[in-house]
Amino acid sequence: MAAGVGLLVIVLLVVGVRGCLSNRKEQALKDYNRDVASLIGDGNDNTADFFQTLSTGGSSPSDLQTQINQLRVRAEGQTRKAAGLDAPGEMRPAQRNLVLTLSLVQEAIGKVAEKLPGALASDSTVAENAVKAIAGEMQALTSADVVYTRRVAAIVQQVLDDEQIGGQTIQRSNFQQNLGWLDPSIVARRIDSEAGRGAGGGAAGEPAPGTHGHGLVSSAVGDKTLVAGGAPNRIAASSTVTFRAVIANQGENIETDVRVRVRIRGAGKTISAQKTVDETRPGTNAEVSVPLGQAPPIGEAVQITVEVRAVPGEQKTDNNAQTYTALFTRG
């Protein structure tokens, strides 16, 4: 009997130890997936800010370069965090490719920052070459999405499936948000590089025959329509201020990639926000919501400029923008 009891105790101990080891392994795999998801989510947010900043522009080329470099620093931090993850053995192939993924993003943002002053120069040769280089760097972001999807997310999912660990969410990447960034002529238009418009041009880059362009019909914040001239427009301030611009396609062509920009000047650093409309049609209006993305200055008179950016082939631009005097107030 004593021998039987001893054997039973040993069996229970072995089963218990195996159970503990199994639980620890399962938790380690879940933790790794969670850490990867957090890093990729942060990376998605960073590249969203990257494209938004490029499209909105800064007060000067050097200011824009500084803003993009700040995003590069953030991307470098994400790469370092990835390199420091404690990956379980089965996840080591995914771990290597995770670091590669975030390195591609970091390097692309840094290279774009280097080329921005040239892309925004007045010399067309310099600007066009820089714009082409920026479009080339955007391919690294597309590559990062591919590497992550096929060599990180797929491996993580496979390991979890092999270990029969369910109920887990695999984070998706969205580093390259719009394939138009691979086209130099579109890059030039989006970053407002006038001298770089010829990059990647040719016949395919020429605007269609007929007139092109838009006019700004009205601007509003919430239910308050902004009025130019006279007393300042009083606007209730919040962290979620959103401008509504109504624009009219006044040309004879369908226009794509139409950008509406809001700028606030006169109280500290210029605040810019922009929204891109996929398509507008001739003779019709489109309402565009542009979130400011930050709290505006309170209690100081500012100048708000709402502008629908010129499209290729647009000749008449005197009705594209309107400037309003405004005062943001609490409550």
C-alpha atoms as a PDB file:
ATOM      1  CA  MET A   1       0.000   0.000   0.000  1.00  0.00           C
ATOM      2  CA  ALA A   2       2.813   2.383   0.890  1.00  0.00           C
ATOM      3  CA  ALA A   3       4.453   1.746  -2.473  1.00  0.00           C
ATOM      4  CA  GLY A   4       1.140   2.358  -4.253  1.00  0.00           C
ATOM      5  CA  VAL A   5       0.564   5.618  -2.417  1.00  0.00           C
ATOM      6  CA  GLY A   6       4.111   6.750  -3.213  1.00  0.00           C
ATOM      7  CA  LEU A   7       3.639   5.976  -6.897  1.00  0.00           C
ATOM      8  CA  LEU A   8       0.365   7.881  -6.942  1.00  0.00           C
ATOM      9  CA  VAL A   9       2.044  10.908  -5.364  1.00  0.00           C
ATOM     10  CA  ILE A  10       4.808  10.826  -7.975  1.00  0.00           C
ATOM     11  CA  VAL A  11       2.276  10.619 -10.806  1.00  0.00           C
ATOM     12  CA  LEU A  12       0.306  13.544  -9.423  1.00  0.00           C
ATOM     13  CA  LEU A  13       3.482  15.582  -9.055  1.00  0.00           C
ATOM     14  CA  VAL A  14       4.499  14.874 -12.648  1.00  0.00           C
ATOM     15  CA  VAL A  15       1.044  15.762 -13.932  1.00  0.00           C
ATOM     16  CA  GLY A  16       1.022  18.931 -11.836  1.00  0.00           C
ATOM     17  CA  VAL A  17       4.462  20.015 -13.042  1.00  0.00           C
ATOM     18  CA  ARG A  18       3.491  19.375 -16.665  1.00  0.00           C
ATOM     19  CA  GLY A  19       0.298  21.326 -16.180  1.00  0.00           C
ATOM     20  CA  CYS A  20       2.181  24.267 -14.713  1.00  0.00           C
ATOM     21  CA  LEU A  21       4.714  24.202 -17.546  1.00  0.00           C
ATOM     22  CA  SER A  22       1.919  24.020 -20.091  1.00  0.00           C
ATOM     23  CA  ASN A  23       0.126  26.955 -18.502  1.00  0.00           C
ATOM     24  CA  ARG A  24       3.330  29.000 -18.416  1.00  0.00           C
ATOM     25  CA  LYS A  25       4.011  28.243 -22.071  1.00  0.00           C
ATOM     26  CA  GLU A  26       0.479  29.190 -23.085  1.00  0.00           C
ATOM     27  CA  GLN A  27       0.677  32.451 -21.156  1.00  0.00           C
ATOM     28  CA  ALA A  28       4.068  33.281 -22.688  1.00  0.00           C
ATOM     29  CA  LEU A  29       2.661  32.816 -26.202  1.00  0.00           C
ATOM     30  CA  LYS A  30      -0.372  34.940 -25.385  1.00  0.00           C
ATOM     31  CA  ASP A  31       1.846  37.648 -23.874  1.00  0.00           C
ATOM     32  CA  TYR A  32       4.043  37.707 -26.962  1.00  0.00           C
ATOM     33  CA  ASN A  33       1.055  38.082 -29.271  1.00  0.00           C
ATOM     34  CA  ARG A  34      -0.237  40.901 -27.061  1.00  0.00           C
ATOM     35  CA  ASP A  35       3.142  42.695 -27.142  1.00  0.00           C
ATOM     36  CA  VAL A  36       3.348  42.368 -30.930  1.00  0.00           C
ATOM     37  CA  ALA A  37      -0.201  43.714 -31.295  1.00  0.00           C
ATOM     38  CA  SER A  38       0.635  46.728 -29.125  1.00  0.00           C
ATOM     39  CA  LEU A  39       3.761  47.568 -31.121  1.00  0.00           C
ATOM     40  CA  ILE A  40       2.057  47.201 -34.495  1.00  0.00           C
ATOM     41  CA  GLY A  41      -0.887  49.285 -33.313  1.00  0.00           C
ATOM     42  CA  ASP A  42       1.517  52.028 -32.254  1.00  0.00           C
ATOM     43  CA  GLY A  43       3.301  51.708 -35.595  1.00  0.00           C
ATOM     44  CA  ASN A  44       0.020  52.081 -37.474  1.00  0.00           C
ATOM     45  CA  ASP A  45      -0.749  55.249 -35.499  1.00  0.00           C
ATOM     46  CA  ASN A  46       2.715  56.631 -36.205  1.00  0.00           C
ATOM     47  CA  THR A  47       2.493  56.119 -39.969  1.00  0.00           C
ATOM     48  CA  ALA A  48      -1.020  57.625 -39.953  1.00  0.00           C
ATOM     49  CA  ASP A  49       0.505  60.739 -38.348  1.00  0.00           C
ATOM     50  CA  PHE A  50       3.325  60.563 -40.905  1.00  0.00           C
ATOM     51  CA  PHE A  51       0.998  60.699 -43.895  1.00  0.00           C
ATOM     52  CA  GLN A  52      -1.227  63.317 -42.272  1.00  0.00           C
ATOM     53  CA  THR A  53       1.788  65.536 -41.561  1.00  0.00           C
ATOM     54  CA  LEU A  54       3.137  65.152 -45.092  1.00  0.00           C
ATOM     55  CA  SER A  55      -0.232  66.037 -46.618  1.00  0.00           C
ATOM     56  CA  THR A  56      -0.899  68.972 -44.312  1.00  0.00           C
ATOM     57  CA  GLY A  57       2.551  70.506 -44.558  1.00  0.00           C
ATOM     58  CA  GLY A  58       4.382  72.755 -42.132  1.00  0.00           C
ATOM     59  CA  SER A  59       4.956  76.477 -41.963  1.00  0.00           C
ATOM     60  CA  SER A  60       8.250  75.890 -43.833  1.00  0.00           C
ATOM     61  CA  PRO A  61      10.230  72.976 -45.345  1.00  0.00           C
ATOM     62  CA  SER A  62      12.485  72.881 -42.286  1.00  0.00           C
ATOM     63  CA  ASP A  63       9.453  72.837 -39.965  1.00  0.00           C
ATOM     64  CA  LEU A  64       7.941  69.941 -41.913  1.00  0.00           C
ATOM     65  CA  GLN A  65      11.255  68.082 -41.832  1.00  0.00           C
ATOM     66  CA  THR A  66      11.426  68.557 -38.063  1.00  0.00           C
ATOM     67  CA  GLN A  67       7.931  67.150 -37.621  1.00  0.00           C
ATOM     68  CA  ILE A  68       8.724  64.089 -39.739  1.00  0.00           C
ATOM     69  CA  ASN A  69      11.986  63.540 -37.858  1.00  0.00           C
ATOM     70  CA  GLN A  70      10.034  63.484 -34.607  1.00  0.00           C
ATOM     71  CA  LEU A  71       7.955  60.651 -36.041  1.00  0.00           C
ATOM     72  CA  ARG A  72      11.175  58.890 -37.070  1.00  0.00           C
ATOM     73  CA  VAL A  73      12.389  59.076 -33.465  1.00  0.00           C
ATOM     74  CA  ARG A  74       9.101  57.547 -32.341  1.00  0.00           C
ATOM     75  CA  ALA A  75       9.535  54.756 -34.912  1.00  0.00           C
ATOM     76  CA  GLU A  76      13.066  54.107 -33.659  1.00  0.00           C
ATOM     77  CA  GLY A  77      11.700  53.647 -30.162  1.00  0.00           C
ATOM     78  CA  GLN A  78       9.189  51.107 -31.453  1.00  0.00           C
ATOM     79  CA  THR A  79      11.975  49.178 -33.192  1.00  0.00           C
ATOM     80  CA  ARG A  80      14.012  49.084 -29.985  1.00  0.00           C
ATOM     81  CA  LYS A  81      11.022  47.813 -28.028  1.00  0.00           C
ATOM     82  CA  ALA A  82      10.509  45.084 -30.613  1.00  0.00           C
ATOM     83  CA  ALA A  83      14.150  44.026 -30.400  1.00  0.00           C
ATOM     84  CA  GLY A  84      13.826  43.759 -26.625  1.00  0.00           C
ATOM     85  CA  LEU A  85      10.843  41.403 -26.593  1.00  0.00           C
ATOM     86  CA  ASP A  86      11.345  38.040 -24.897  1.00  0.00           C
ATOM     87  CA  ALA A  87      10.054  35.754 -27.637  1.00  0.00           C
ATOM     88  CA  PRO A  88       9.220  32.115 -26.836  1.00  0.00           C
ATOM     89  CA  GLY A  89      11.206  29.610 -28.898  1.00  0.00           C
ATOM     90  CA  GLU A  90       8.423  28.922 -31.386  1.00  0.00           C
ATOM     91  CA  MET A  91       8.044  32.656 -31.995  1.00  0.00           C
ATOM     92  CA  ARG A  92      11.693  33.406 -32.810  1.00  0.00           C
ATOM     93  CA  PRO A  93      11.179  33.427 -36.615  1.00  0.00           C
ATOM     94  CA  ALA A  94       8.295  35.868 -36.116  1.00  0.00           C
ATOM     95  CA  GLN A  95      10.455  37.940 -33.766  1.00  0.00           C
ATOM     96  CA  ARG A  96      13.240  38.368 -36.339  1.00  0.00           C
ATOM     97  CA  ASN A  97      10.752  39.533 -38.936  1.00  0.00           C
ATOM     98  CA  LEU A  98       8.980  41.822 -36.476  1.00  0.00           C
ATOM     99  CA  VAL A  99      12.223  43.729 -35.955  1.00  0.00           C
ATOM    100  CA  LEU A 100      12.753  43.814 -39.738  1.00  0.00           C
ATOM    101  CA  THR A 101       9.212  45.141 -40.236  1.00  0.00           C
ATOM    102  CA  LEU A 102       9.588  48.050 -37.834  1.00  0.00           C
ATOM    103  CA  SER A 103      13.116  48.769 -39.101  1.00  0.00           C
ATOM    104  CA  LEU A 104      11.721  49.210 -42.614  1.00  0.00           C
ATOM    105  CA  VAL A 105       9.147  51.687 -41.307  1.00  0.00           C
ATOM    106  CA  GLN A 106      11.739  53.593 -39.290  1.00  0.00           C
ATOM    107  CA  GLU A 107      14.183  53.834 -42.193  1.00  0.00           C
ATOM    108  CA  ALA A 108      11.513  54.916 -44.672  1.00  0.00           C
ATOM    109  CA  ILE A 109      10.333  57.764 -42.444  1.00  0.00           C
ATOM    110  CA  GLY A 110      13.934  58.880 -41.892  1.00  0.00           C
ATOM    111  CA  LYS A 111      14.785  58.833 -45.610  1.00  0.00           C
ATOM    112  CA  VAL A 112      11.653  60.810 -46.454  1.00  0.00           C
ATOM    113  CA  ALA A 113      12.635  63.423 -43.864  1.00  0.00           C
ATOM    114  CA  GLU A 114      16.071  63.730 -45.507  1.00  0.00           C
ATOM    115  CA  LYS A 115      14.536  64.356 -48.941  1.00  0.00           C
ATOM    116  CA  LEU A 116      11.840  66.848 -47.955  1.00  0.00           C
ATOM    117  CA  PRO A 117      13.868  70.085 -48.248  1.00  0.00           C
ATOM    118  CA  GLY A 118      14.882  69.094 -51.777  1.00  0.00           C
ATOM    119  CA  ALA A 119      11.358  68.078 -52.716  1.00  0.00           C
ATOM    120  CA  LEU A 120      10.060  71.487 -51.624  1.00  0.00           C
ATOM    121  CA  ALA A 121      12.846  73.452 -53.321  1.00  0.00           C
ATOM    122  CA  SER A 122      12.136  75.851 -56.173  1.00  0.00           C
ATOM    123  CA  ASP A 123      14.648  74.200 -58.536  1.00  0.00           C
ATOM    124  CA  SER A 124      12.626  71.720 -60.607  1.00  0.00           C
ATOM    125  CA  THR A 125      15.542  69.350 -61.194  1.00  0.00           C
ATOM    126  CA  VAL A 126      16.295  69.117 -57.488  1.00  0.00           C
ATOM    127  CA  ALA A 127      12.615  68.877 -56.550  1.00  0.00           C
ATOM    128  CA  GLU A 128      11.735  66.201 -59.095  1.00  0.00           C
ATOM    129  CA  ASN A 129      14.654  63.968 -58.093  1.00  0.00           C
ATOM    130  CA  ALA A 130      13.749  64.317 -54.413  1.00  0.00           C
ATOM    131  CA  VAL A 131      10.078  63.588 -55.078  1.00  0.00           C
ATOM    132  CA  LYS A 132      11.024  60.431 -56.966  1.00  0.00           C
ATOM    133  CA  ALA A 133      13.231  59.378 -54.055  1.00  0.00           C
ATOM    134  CA  ILE A 134      10.353  59.913 -51.605  1.00  0.00           C
ATOM    135  CA  ALA A 135       8.027  57.810 -53.762  1.00  0.00           C
ATOM    136  CA  GLY A 136      10.703  55.107 -53.787  1.00  0.00           C
ATOM    137  CA  GLU A 137      10.956  55.126 -49.993  1.00  0.00           C
ATOM    138  CA  MET A 138       7.209  54.648 -49.757  1.00  0.00           C
ATOM    139  CA  GLN A 139       7.728  51.169 -51.206  1.00  0.00           C
ATOM    140  CA  ALA A 140       9.489  50.249 -47.953  1.00  0.00           C
ATOM    141  CA  LEU A 141       6.217  50.812 -46.102  1.00  0.00           C
ATOM    142  CA  THR A 142       4.433  48.491 -48.524  1.00  0.00           C
ATOM    143  CA  SER A 143       7.206  45.937 -47.965  1.00  0.00           C
ATOM    144  CA  ALA A 144       6.794  46.295 -44.204  1.00  0.00           C
ATOM    145  CA  ASP A 145       3.112  45.390 -44.528  1.00  0.00           C
ATOM    146  CA  VAL A 146       4.017  42.322 -46.601  1.00  0.00           C
ATOM    147  CA  VAL A 147       6.750  41.137 -44.231  1.00  0.00           C
ATOM    148  CA  TYR A 148       4.532  41.585 -41.206  1.00  0.00           C
ATOM    149  CA  THR A 149       1.506  39.865 -42.753  1.00  0.00           C
ATOM    150  CA  ARG A 150       3.387  36.852 -44.155  1.00  0.00           C
ATOM    151  CA  ARG A 151       6.301  36.447 -41.768  1.00  0.00           C
ATOM    152  CA  VAL A 152       5.004  37.724 -38.437  1.00  0.00           C
ATOM    153  CA  ALA A 153       1.226  37.577 -38.194  1.00  0.00           C
ATOM    154  CA  ALA A 154       1.019  34.288 -40.114  1.00  0.00           C
ATOM    155  CA  ILE A 155       3.650  32.614 -37.916  1.00  0.00           C
ATOM    156  CA  VAL A 156       2.075  33.893 -34.697  1.00  0.00           C
ATOM    157  CA  GLN A 157      -1.302  32.563 -35.808  1.00  0.00           C
ATOM    158  CA  GLN A 158       0.185  29.205 -36.788  1.00  0.00           C
ATOM    159  CA  VAL A 159       1.954  28.756 -33.437  1.00  0.00           C
ATOM    160  CA  LEU A 160      -1.203  29.629 -31.526  1.00  0.00           C
ATOM    161  CA  ASP A 161      -3.187  27.176 -33.643  1.00  0.00           C
ATOM    162  CA  ASP A 162      -0.598  24.412 -33.151  1.00  0.00           C
ATOM    163  CA  GLU A 163      -0.813  24.921 -29.396  1.00  0.00           C
ATOM    164  CA  GLN A 164      -4.622  25.007 -29.612  1.00  0.00           C
ATOM    165  CA  ILE A 165      -4.752  28.469 -28.064  1.00  0.00           C
ATOM    166  CA  GLY A 166      -7.914  30.194 -29.165  1.00  0.00           C
ATOM    167  CA  GLY A 167      -9.607  33.495 -28.451  1.00  0.00           C
ATOM    168  CA  GLN A 168      -6.617  35.589 -29.571  1.00  0.00           C
ATOM    169  CA  THR A 169      -6.689  38.580 -31.925  1.00  0.00           C
ATOM    170  CA  ILE A 170      -3.879  39.023 -34.448  1.00  0.00           C
ATOM    171  CA  GLN A 171      -3.180  42.716 -35.045  1.00  0.00           C
ATOM    172  CA  ARG A 172      -3.221  43.826 -38.683  1.00  0.00           C
ATOM    173  CA  SER A 173      -0.714  46.314 -40.048  1.00  0.00           C
ATOM    174  CA  ASN A 174      -1.592  49.398 -42.075  1.00  0.00           C
ATOM    175  CA  PHE A 175       1.725  51.126 -42.660  1.00  0.00           C
ATOM    176  CA  GLN A 176       1.075  51.939 -46.327  1.00  0.00           C
ATOM    177  CA  GLN A 177      -2.294  53.661 -46.276  1.00  0.00           C
ATOM    178  CA  ASN A 178      -2.633  54.670 -49.903  1.00  0.00           C
ATOM    179  CA  LEU A 179      -0.814  53.264 -52.940  1.00  0.00           C
ATOM    180  CA  GLY A 180      -0.947  56.688 -54.565  1.00  0.00           C
ATOM    181  CA  TRP A 181       2.160  57.496 -52.492  1.00  0.00           C
ATOM    182  CA  LEU A 182       4.138  55.216 -54.829  1.00  0.00           C
ATOM    183  CA  ASP A 183       3.462  57.561 -57.762  1.00  0.00           C
ATOM    184  CA  PRO A 184       5.915  60.517 -57.876  1.00  0.00           C
ATOM    185  CA  SER A 185       3.408  62.843 -59.544  1.00  0.00           C
ATOM    186  CA  ILE A 186       0.864  62.159 -56.790  1.00  0.00           C
ATOM    187  CA  VAL A 187       3.539  62.580 -54.112  1.00  0.00           C
ATOM    188  CA  ALA A 188       4.420  65.993 -55.542  1.00  0.00           C
ATOM    189  CA  ARG A 189       0.793  67.074 -55.426  1.00  0.00           C
ATOM    190  CA  ARG A 190       0.184  65.767 -51.926  1.00  0.00           C
ATOM    191  CA  ILE A 191       3.211  67.436 -50.356  1.00  0.00           C
ATOM    192  CA  ASP A 192       2.560  70.609 -52.364  1.00  0.00           C
ATOM    193  CA  SER A 193       5.825  70.472 -54.325  1.00  0.00           C
ATOM    194  CA  GLU A 194       5.169  72.874 -57.176  1.00  0.00           C
ATOM    195  CA  ALA A 195       8.626  72.427 -58.697  1.00  0.00           C
ATOM    196  CA  GLY A 196       8.347  68.636 -58.408  1.00  0.00           C
ATOM    197  CA  ARG A 197       5.098  68.294 -60.358  1.00  0.00           C
ATOM    198  CA  GLY A 198       6.981  66.942 -63.391  1.00  0.00           C
ATOM    199  CA  ALA A 199       8.286  63.910 -61.494  1.00  0.00           C
ATOM    200  CA  GLY A 200       6.928  60.756 -63.058  1.00  0.00           C
ATOM    201  CA  GLY A 201       4.898  62.851 -65.465  1.00  0.00           C
ATOM    202  CA  GLY A 202       4.551  62.085 -69.144  1.00  0.00           C
ATOM    203  CA  ALA A 203       1.311  61.774 -71.042  1.00  0.00           C
ATOM    204  CA  ALA A 204      -0.318  59.710 -68.320  1.00  0.00           C
ATOM    205  CA  GLY A 205       0.312  62.498 -65.840  1.00  0.00           C
ATOM    206  CA  GLU A 206      -1.369  65.231 -67.908  1.00  0.00           C
ATOM    207  CA  PRO A 207      -4.771  66.469 -66.734  1.00  0.00           C
ATOM    208  CA  ALA A 208      -7.759  65.503 -68.861  1.00  0.00           C
ATOM    209  CA  PRO A 209      -9.026  68.044 -71.429  1.00  0.00           C
ATOM    210  CA  GLY A 210     -11.519  70.623 -70.199  1.00  0.00           C
ATOM    211  CA  THR A 211     -11.642  72.849 -67.145  1.00  0.00           C
ATOM    212  CA  HIS A 212     -10.618  71.717 -63.672  1.00  0.00           C
ATOM    213  CA  GLY A 213     -11.044  73.062 -60.188  1.00  0.00           C
ATOM    214  CA  HIS A 214     -13.120  73.751 -57.122  1.00  0.00           C
ATOM    215  CA  GLY A 215     -14.538  76.619 -55.136  1.00  0.00           C
ATOM    216  CA  LEU A 216     -15.100  76.911 -51.406  1.00  0.00           C
ATOM    217  CA  VAL A 217     -18.829  77.387 -50.809  1.00  0.00           C
ATOM    218  CA  SER A 218     -18.980  77.636 -47.008  1.00  0.00           C
ATOM    219  CA  SER A 219     -17.211  76.747 -43.770  1.00  0.00           C
ATOM    220  CA  ALA A 220     -18.688  75.833 -40.400  1.00  0.00           C
ATOM    221  CA  VAL A 221     -17.810  74.468 -36.994  1.00  0.00           C
ATOM    222  CA  GLY A 222     -20.628  72.366 -35.592  1.00  0.00           C
ATOM    223  CA  ASP A 223     -23.832  74.238 -36.355  1.00  0.00           C
ATOM    224  CA  LYS A 224     -22.060  77.618 -36.586  1.00  0.00           C
ATOM    225  CA  THR A 225     -21.385  78.885 -40.102  1.00  0.00           C
ATOM    226  CA  LEU A 226     -18.249  81.015 -40.256  1.00  0.00           C
ATOM    227  CA  VAL A 227     -18.539  84.549 -41.600  1.00  0.00           C
ATOM    228  CA  ALA A 228     -15.668  86.489 -43.147  1.00  0.00           C
ATOM    229  CA  GLY A 229     -15.190  90.116 -42.119  1.00  0.00           C
ATOM    230  CA  GLY A 230     -16.766  91.945 -39.215  1.00  0.00           C
ATOM    231  CA  ALA A 231     -16.638  90.747 -35.611  1.00  0.00           C
ATOM    232  CA  PRO A 232     -14.657  87.586 -34.793  1.00  0.00           C
ATOM    233  CA  ASN A 233     -16.536  84.304 -35.048  1.00  0.00           C
ATOM    234  CA  ARG A 234     -16.922  82.966 -31.511  1.00  0.00           C
ATOM    235  CA  ILE A 235     -16.349  79.212 -31.414  1.00  0.00           C
ATOM    236  CA  ALA A 236     -16.689  76.897 -28.422  1.00  0.00           C
ATOM    237  CA  ALA A 237     -13.299  75.254 -27.888  1.00  0.00           C
ATOM    238  CA  SER A 238     -12.805  71.542 -27.259  1.00  0.00           C
ATOM    239  CA  SER A 239     -10.325  68.784 -28.030  1.00  0.00           C
ATOM    240  CA  THR A 240     -12.641  67.530 -30.792  1.00  0.00           C
ATOM    241  CA  VAL A 241     -13.202  70.671 -32.875  1.00  0.00           C
ATOM    242  CA  THR A 242     -14.216  69.658 -36.407  1.00  0.00           C
ATOM    243  CA  PHE A 243     -14.571  71.991 -39.380  1.00  0.00           C
ATOM    244  CA  ARG A 244     -17.137  71.345 -42.109  1.00  0.00           C
ATOM    245  CA  ALA A 245     -16.294  72.707 -45.540  1.00  0.00           C
ATOM    246  CA  VAL A 246     -18.647  72.613 -48.494  1.00  0.00           C
ATOM    247  CA  ILE A 247     -16.752  72.594 -51.788  1.00  0.00           C
ATOM    248  CA  ALA A 248     -18.071  72.728 -55.340  1.00  0.00           C
ATOM    249  CA  ASN A 249     -16.515  71.005 -58.330  1.00  0.00           C
ATOM    250  CA  GLN A 250     -16.720  73.886 -60.797  1.00  0.00           C
ATOM    251  CA  GLY A 251     -14.880  72.202 -63.652  1.00  0.00           C
ATOM    252  CA  GLU A 252     -15.812  69.765 -66.369  1.00  0.00           C
ATOM    253  CA  ASN A 253     -13.960  66.751 -64.972  1.00  0.00           C
ATOM    254  CA  ILE A 254     -14.198  64.247 -62.151  1.00  0.00           C
ATOM    255  CA  GLU A 255     -11.409  65.098 -59.694  1.00  0.00           C
ATOM    256  CA  THR A 256      -9.687  62.651 -57.383  1.00  0.00           C
ATOM    257  CA  ASP A 257      -7.525  63.046 -54.301  1.00  0.00           C
ATOM    258  CA  VAL A 258      -8.986  66.478 -53.479  1.00  0.00           C
ATOM    259  CA  ARG A 259      -7.502  67.994 -50.331  1.00  0.00           C
ATOM    260  CA  VAL A 260      -9.211  70.413 -47.963  1.00  0.00           C
ATOM    261  CA  ARG A 261      -6.951  72.128 -45.438  1.00  0.00           C
ATOM    262  CA  VAL A 262      -7.644  74.173 -42.311  1.00  0.00           C
ATOM    263  CA  ARG A 263      -4.944  76.403 -40.814  1.00  0.00           C
ATOM    264  CA  ILE A 264      -5.109  78.443 -37.617  1.00  0.00           C
ATOM    265  CA  ARG A 265      -2.561  81.234 -37.180  1.00  0.00           C
ATOM    266  CA  GLY A 266      -2.014  84.139 -34.827  1.00  0.00           C
ATOM    267  CA  ALA A 267      -1.654  82.492 -31.403  1.00  0.00           C
ATOM    268  CA  GLY A 268       1.545  80.511 -31.065  1.00  0.00           C
ATOM    269  CA  LYS A 269       2.482  77.757 -33.472  1.00  0.00           C
ATOM    270  CA  THR A 270       0.383  77.333 -36.606  1.00  0.00           C
ATOM    271  CA  ILE A 271      -2.153  74.510 -36.362  1.00  0.00           C
ATOM    272  CA  SER A 272      -2.893  72.600 -39.572  1.00  0.00           C
ATOM    273  CA  ALA A 273      -5.313  69.818 -40.379  1.00  0.00           C
ATOM    274  CA  GLN A 274      -6.306  68.281 -43.669  1.00  0.00           C
ATOM    275  CA  LYS A 275      -8.781  65.793 -45.136  1.00  0.00           C
ATOM    276  CA  THR A 276      -8.587  64.171 -48.560  1.00  0.00           C
ATOM    277  CA  VAL A 277     -11.729  63.522 -50.602  1.00  0.00           C
ATOM    278  CA  ASP A 278     -11.471  60.496 -52.879  1.00  0.00           C
ATOM    279  CA  GLU A 279     -13.580  61.973 -55.663  1.00  0.00           C
ATOM    280  CA  THR A 280     -15.731  64.971 -56.640  1.00  0.00           C
ATOM    281  CA  ARG A 281     -18.002  65.236 -59.689  1.00  0.00           C
ATOM    282  CA  PRO A 282     -18.603  68.203 -62.009  1.00  0.00           C
ATOM    283  CA  GLY A 283     -21.416  70.516 -60.981  1.00  0.00           C
ATOM    284  CA  THR A 284     -21.894  68.981 -57.547  1.00  0.00           C
ATOM    285  CA  ASN A 285     -21.033  69.953 -53.981  1.00  0.00           C
ATOM    286  CA  ALA A 286     -19.239  67.819 -51.426  1.00  0.00           C
ATOM    287  CA  GLU A 287     -19.212  68.303 -47.651  1.00  0.00           C
ATOM    288  CA  VAL A 288     -15.858  67.583 -46.032  1.00  0.00           C
ATOM    289  CA  SER A 289     -15.281  67.152 -42.286  1.00  0.00           C
ATOM    290  CA  VAL A 290     -11.805  68.146 -41.120  1.00  0.00           C
ATOM    291  CA  PRO A 291     -11.041  67.266 -37.468  1.00  0.00           C
ATOM    292  CA  LEU A 292      -8.559  69.715 -35.951  1.00  0.00           C
ATOM    293  CA  GLY A 293      -6.962  66.925 -33.944  1.00  0.00           C
ATOM    294  CA  GLN A 294      -5.944  69.115 -30.988  1.00  0.00           C
ATOM    295  CA  ALA A 295      -7.297  71.779 -28.711  1.00  0.00           C
ATOM    296  CA  PRO A 296      -7.241  75.272 -30.286  1.00  0.00           C
ATOM    297  CA  PRO A 297      -5.854  78.367 -28.538  1.00  0.00           C
ATOM    298  CA  ILE A 298      -8.439  79.869 -26.178  1.00  0.00           C
ATOM    299  CA  GLY A 299      -9.157  83.536 -25.646  1.00  0.00           C
ATOM    300  CA  GLU A 300      -6.881  84.894 -28.398  1.00  0.00           C
ATOM    301  CA  ALA A 301      -7.972  86.232 -31.764  1.00  0.00           C
ATOM    302  CA  VAL A 302      -6.806  83.956 -34.572  1.00  0.00           C
ATOM    303  CA  GLN A 303      -7.040  83.743 -38.339  1.00  0.00           C
ATOM    304  CA  ILE A 304      -8.637  80.555 -39.682  1.00  0.00           C
ATOM    305  CA  THR A 305      -8.016  79.748 -43.333  1.00  0.00           C
ATOM    306  CA  VAL A 306     -10.113  77.038 -44.959  1.00  0.00           C
ATOM    307  CA  GLU A 307      -8.815  76.031 -48.381  1.00  0.00           C
ATOM    308  CA  VAL A 308      -9.583  73.484 -51.066  1.00  0.00           C
ATOM    309  CA  ARG A 309      -6.191  72.785 -52.612  1.00  0.00           C
ATOM    310  CA  ALA A 310      -5.670  73.228 -56.342  1.00  0.00           C
ATOM    311  CA  VAL A 311      -5.921  70.108 -58.517  1.00  0.00           C
ATOM    312  CA  PRO A 312      -3.879  69.420 -61.680  1.00  0.00           C
ATOM    313  CA  GLY A 313      -5.007  71.660 -64.527  1.00  0.00           C
ATOM    314  CA  GLU A 314      -6.785  74.170 -62.283  1.00  0.00           C
ATOM    315  CA  GLN A 315      -6.293  77.739 -63.508  1.00  0.00           C
ATOM    316  CA  LYS A 316      -8.732  79.752 -61.391  1.00  0.00           C
ATOM    317  CA  THR A 317      -7.845  79.584 -57.687  1.00  0.00           C
ATOM    318  CA  ASP A 318      -9.078  82.924 -56.300  1.00  0.00           C
ATOM    319  CA  ASN A 319     -12.181  81.272 -54.832  1.00  0.00           C
ATOM    320  CA  ASN A 320     -10.426  78.257 -53.330  1.00  0.00           C
ATOM    321  CA  ALA A 321      -9.894  79.689 -49.852  1.00  0.00           C
ATOM    322  CA  GLN A 322     -11.428  81.983 -47.267  1.00  0.00           C
ATOM    323  CA  THR A 323      -9.930  83.429 -44.086  1.00  0.00           C
ATOM    324  CA  TYR A 324     -12.013  84.073 -40.988  1.00  0.00           C
ATOM    325  CA  THR A 325     -11.203  85.959 -37.796  1.00  0.00           C
ATOM    326  CA  ALA A 326     -12.216  83.852 -34.816  1.00  0.00           C
ATOM    327  CA  LEU A 327     -12.069  83.587 -31.047  1.00  0.00           C
ATOM    328  CA  PHE A 328     -12.198  80.197 -29.355  1.00  0.00           C
ATOM    329  CA  THR A 329     -13.989  80.337 -26.009  1.00  0.00           C
ATOM    330  CA  ARG A 330     -14.489  77.893 -23.146  1.00  0.00           C
ATOM    331  CA  GLY A 331     -17.821  76.121 -23.045  1.00  0.00           C
END
